[in-house]
Amino acid sequence: MYNIEKEIQEILDPLIFNASHELKGHCLFEHVISDRDLLLKLKWMRKAQGNEIVLASRFFSAEQARKAIYMLLNKNKMAIEQWRKTLDVPYLEIQGNFREAVGEGIAKNTDFSNKIPLHRLRVVLVKGDSIGRAFYIKTAYPTNSITDNDVIYEAMDDWKKKETKLKRSRKS
């Protein structure tokens, strides 16, 4: 039988995290990145349609990422235990909001120099692996909460106003 509680606790250990999760997933590799890589990530994302939010995000640090993931999974321990008992569901997605920002992001159609604090975390778990673990983390990343959406839409409106003003000044 698996010790879910122990595996969740081990998320805080950088060595165990890298050996158990990062080798099979891409949480830290893809989501603890530089400003340049964040811009490149956004560049390759699809275009925003209308008022849709298209967002590239990152954690502030690897340590902070592990702590936020630990907190979210620990809070959802019962759901993880129930999921492990099912045979036909290989993935489990867990999301949760935090009081403090867990990361930051930039959205299409905004000023990219203004990074938006993000207060929601999404974690995708995959059942087991070859070393007898109950799960591994396929990915985890900061995403926008409903409250963050207000800030993002405001930034999109500000950007649209700046673009309109710039176009008018070019015509003059």
Protein backbone atom coordinates (compact mmCIF):
# COMPACT_ATOMS: atom_id res chain seq x y z
CA MET A 1 0.00 0.00 0.00
CA TYR A 2 1.13 3.53 -0.70
CA ASN A 3 1.91 6.11 1.95
CA ILE A 4 0.31 9.18 0.36
CA GLU A 5 1.02 11.39 3.38
CA LYS A 6 4.75 10.53 3.26
CA GLU A 7 4.94 11.12 -0.49
CA ILE A 8 3.29 14.52 -0.10
CA GLN A 9 5.75 15.42 2.69
CA GLU A 10 8.68 14.42 0.44
CA ILE A 11 7.70 17.13 -2.06
CA LEU A 12 9.51 19.61 0.20
CA ASP A 13 12.82 17.75 -0.24
CA PRO A 14 14.59 19.04 -3.40
CA LEU A 15 16.50 15.79 -4.01
CA ILE A 16 13.45 13.55 -3.70
CA PHE A 17 11.34 15.98 -5.72
CA ASN A 18 13.81 15.98 -8.59
CA ALA A 19 14.29 12.21 -8.53
CA SER A 20 10.61 11.33 -8.14
CA HIS A 21 8.81 14.01 -10.12
CA GLU A 22 11.07 16.18 -12.24
CA LEU A 23 12.60 13.24 -14.15
CA LYS A 24 9.15 12.24 -15.43
CA GLY A 25 7.43 15.62 -15.45
CA HIS A 26 8.40 19.19 -16.10
CA CYS A 27 7.17 21.32 -13.22
CA LEU A 28 10.36 23.18 -12.30
CA PHE A 29 12.07 22.92 -15.68
CA GLU A 30 9.20 24.61 -17.50
CA HIS A 31 7.82 26.85 -14.77
CA VAL A 32 10.81 28.27 -12.86
CA ILE A 33 12.18 30.35 -15.72
CA SER A 34 13.82 33.67 -16.62
CA ASP A 35 12.06 36.79 -17.92
CA ARG A 36 13.35 35.99 -21.41
CA ASP A 37 11.99 32.44 -21.32
CA LEU A 38 8.65 33.69 -20.03
CA LEU A 39 8.39 36.05 -23.02
CA LEU A 40 9.37 33.26 -25.41
CA LYS A 41 6.75 30.97 -23.89
CA LEU A 42 4.06 33.61 -24.43
CA LYS A 43 5.25 34.27 -27.98
CA TRP A 44 4.68 30.65 -28.96
CA MET A 45 1.23 30.45 -27.40
CA ARG A 46 -1.83 30.84 -29.57
CA LYS A 47 -3.38 34.24 -30.22
CA ALA A 48 -6.01 35.51 -27.83
CA GLN A 49 -9.49 35.57 -29.34
CA GLY A 50 -11.47 38.65 -28.36
CA ASN A 51 -11.33 39.18 -24.61
CA GLU A 52 -9.85 35.72 -23.92
CA ILE A 53 -6.97 35.50 -21.46
CA VAL A 54 -3.88 33.72 -22.82
CA LEU A 55 -1.28 33.61 -20.08
CA ALA A 56 2.31 32.42 -19.64
CA SER A 57 3.27 31.87 -16.01
CA ARG A 58 6.11 30.93 -13.73
CA PHE A 59 6.85 30.27 -10.09
CA PHE A 60 9.00 32.75 -8.16
CA SER A 61 11.47 29.98 -7.21
CA ALA A 62 11.84 26.21 -7.05
CA GLU A 63 11.56 26.26 -3.26
CA GLN A 64 8.37 28.31 -3.39
CA ALA A 65 6.95 25.98 -6.07
CA ARG A 66 7.56 22.88 -3.93
CA LYS A 67 6.00 24.59 -0.89
CA ALA A 68 2.84 25.62 -2.79
CA ILE A 69 2.49 22.16 -4.37
CA TYR A 70 2.94 20.55 -0.95
CA MET A 71 0.25 22.79 0.59
CA LEU A 72 -2.25 22.08 -2.20
CA LEU A 73 -1.70 18.31 -2.24
CA ASN A 74 -1.74 18.09 1.54
CA LYS A 75 -5.09 19.90 1.57
CA ASN A 76 -6.40 17.42 -1.05
CA LYS A 77 -4.92 14.25 0.47
CA MET A 78 -8.31 12.49 0.68
CA ALA A 79 -9.03 13.16 -3.01
CA ILE A 80 -5.61 11.72 -3.92
CA GLU A 81 -6.25 8.61 -1.82
CA GLN A 82 -9.65 8.09 -3.49
CA TRP A 83 -8.15 8.61 -6.95
CA ARG A 84 -5.44 6.01 -6.27
CA LYS A 85 -8.19 3.46 -5.57
CA THR A 86 -9.76 3.91 -9.02
CA LEU A 87 -8.43 1.78 -11.84
CA ASP A 88 -9.53 3.70 -14.91
CA VAL A 89 -8.42 7.29 -14.19
CA PRO A 90 -4.68 7.73 -14.84
CA TYR A 91 -4.55 11.50 -14.21
CA LEU A 92 -5.77 13.76 -11.43
CA GLU A 93 -5.90 17.53 -11.78
CA ILE A 94 -6.04 19.54 -8.58
CA GLN A 95 -6.47 23.31 -8.44
CA GLY A 96 -6.60 25.71 -5.55
CA ASN A 97 -6.38 29.38 -4.67
CA PHE A 98 -3.85 30.94 -2.30
CA ARG A 99 -3.93 34.19 -0.33
CA GLU A 100 -0.38 35.01 -1.36
CA ALA A 101 0.75 34.90 -4.98
CA VAL A 102 2.32 31.56 -5.95
CA GLY A 103 3.84 32.98 -9.11
CA GLU A 104 3.48 35.58 -11.79
CA GLY A 105 2.57 35.76 -15.43
CA ILE A 106 2.21 37.86 -18.52
CA ALA A 107 -0.86 37.85 -20.71
CA LYS A 108 -1.27 38.46 -24.41
CA ASN A 109 -2.54 41.95 -25.23
CA THR A 110 -0.95 43.51 -22.13
CA ASP A 111 2.27 45.38 -21.37
CA PHE A 112 4.74 42.50 -20.98
CA SER A 113 6.92 44.51 -18.59
CA ASN A 114 4.12 44.35 -16.00
CA LYS A 115 4.03 40.88 -14.52
CA ILE A 116 0.74 39.93 -12.90
CA PRO A 117 0.77 38.14 -9.52
CA LEU A 118 -1.08 34.81 -9.76
CA HIS A 119 -2.93 33.25 -6.83
CA ARG A 120 -4.09 29.91 -8.22
CA LEU A 121 -2.12 26.69 -8.65
CA ARG A 122 -2.85 23.79 -10.99
CA VAL A 123 -1.18 20.41 -10.38
CA VAL A 124 -1.52 17.36 -12.64
CA LEU A 125 -0.71 13.99 -11.06
CA VAL A 126 -0.11 10.70 -12.86
CA LYS A 127 -0.57 7.34 -11.15
CA GLY A 128 2.48 5.47 -9.96
CA ASP A 129 5.74 4.77 -11.66
CA SER A 130 8.50 2.21 -11.82
CA ILE A 131 9.85 2.89 -8.32
CA GLY A 132 6.67 2.11 -6.42
CA ARG A 133 5.36 5.60 -5.81
CA ALA A 134 1.64 6.35 -5.61
CA PHE A 135 1.92 9.25 -8.05
CA TYR A 136 4.27 11.65 -9.72
CA ILE A 137 3.73 15.27 -10.65
CA LYS A 138 3.46 15.61 -14.41
CA THR A 139 3.24 19.38 -14.19
CA ALA A 140 2.32 22.18 -11.82
CA TYR A 141 2.08 25.86 -12.57
CA PRO A 142 0.60 29.13 -11.36
CA THR A 143 -2.57 30.21 -13.11
CA ASN A 144 -5.10 32.98 -12.81
CA SER A 145 -7.77 33.04 -10.12
CA ILE A 146 -11.07 34.86 -10.63
CA THR A 147 -9.64 37.83 -8.71
CA ASP A 148 -6.52 37.77 -10.91
CA ASN A 149 -8.78 37.94 -13.97
CA ASP A 150 -9.94 41.42 -12.93
CA VAL A 151 -6.32 42.62 -12.87
CA ILE A 152 -5.59 40.95 -16.22
CA TYR A 153 -8.66 42.45 -17.92
CA GLU A 154 -7.68 45.87 -16.57
CA ALA A 155 -4.16 45.42 -17.99
CA MET A 156 -5.67 44.39 -21.34
CA ASP A 157 -7.87 47.51 -21.35
CA ASP A 158 -4.87 49.72 -20.49
CA TRP A 159 -2.87 48.14 -23.33
CA LYS A 160 -5.70 48.69 -25.79
CA LYS A 161 -5.91 52.38 -24.75
CA LYS A 162 -2.13 52.79 -25.21
CA GLU A 163 -2.28 51.19 -28.66
CA THR A 164 -5.19 53.43 -29.71
CA LYS A 165 -3.37 56.53 -28.46
CA LEU A 166 -0.19 55.49 -30.29
CA LYS A 167 -2.09 54.91 -33.55
CA ARG A 168 -3.71 58.35 -33.27
CA SER A 169 -0.37 60.05 -32.68
CA ARG A 170 1.14 58.33 -35.74
CA LYS A 171 -1.70 59.62 -37.93
CA SER A 172 -1.14 63.22 -36.78
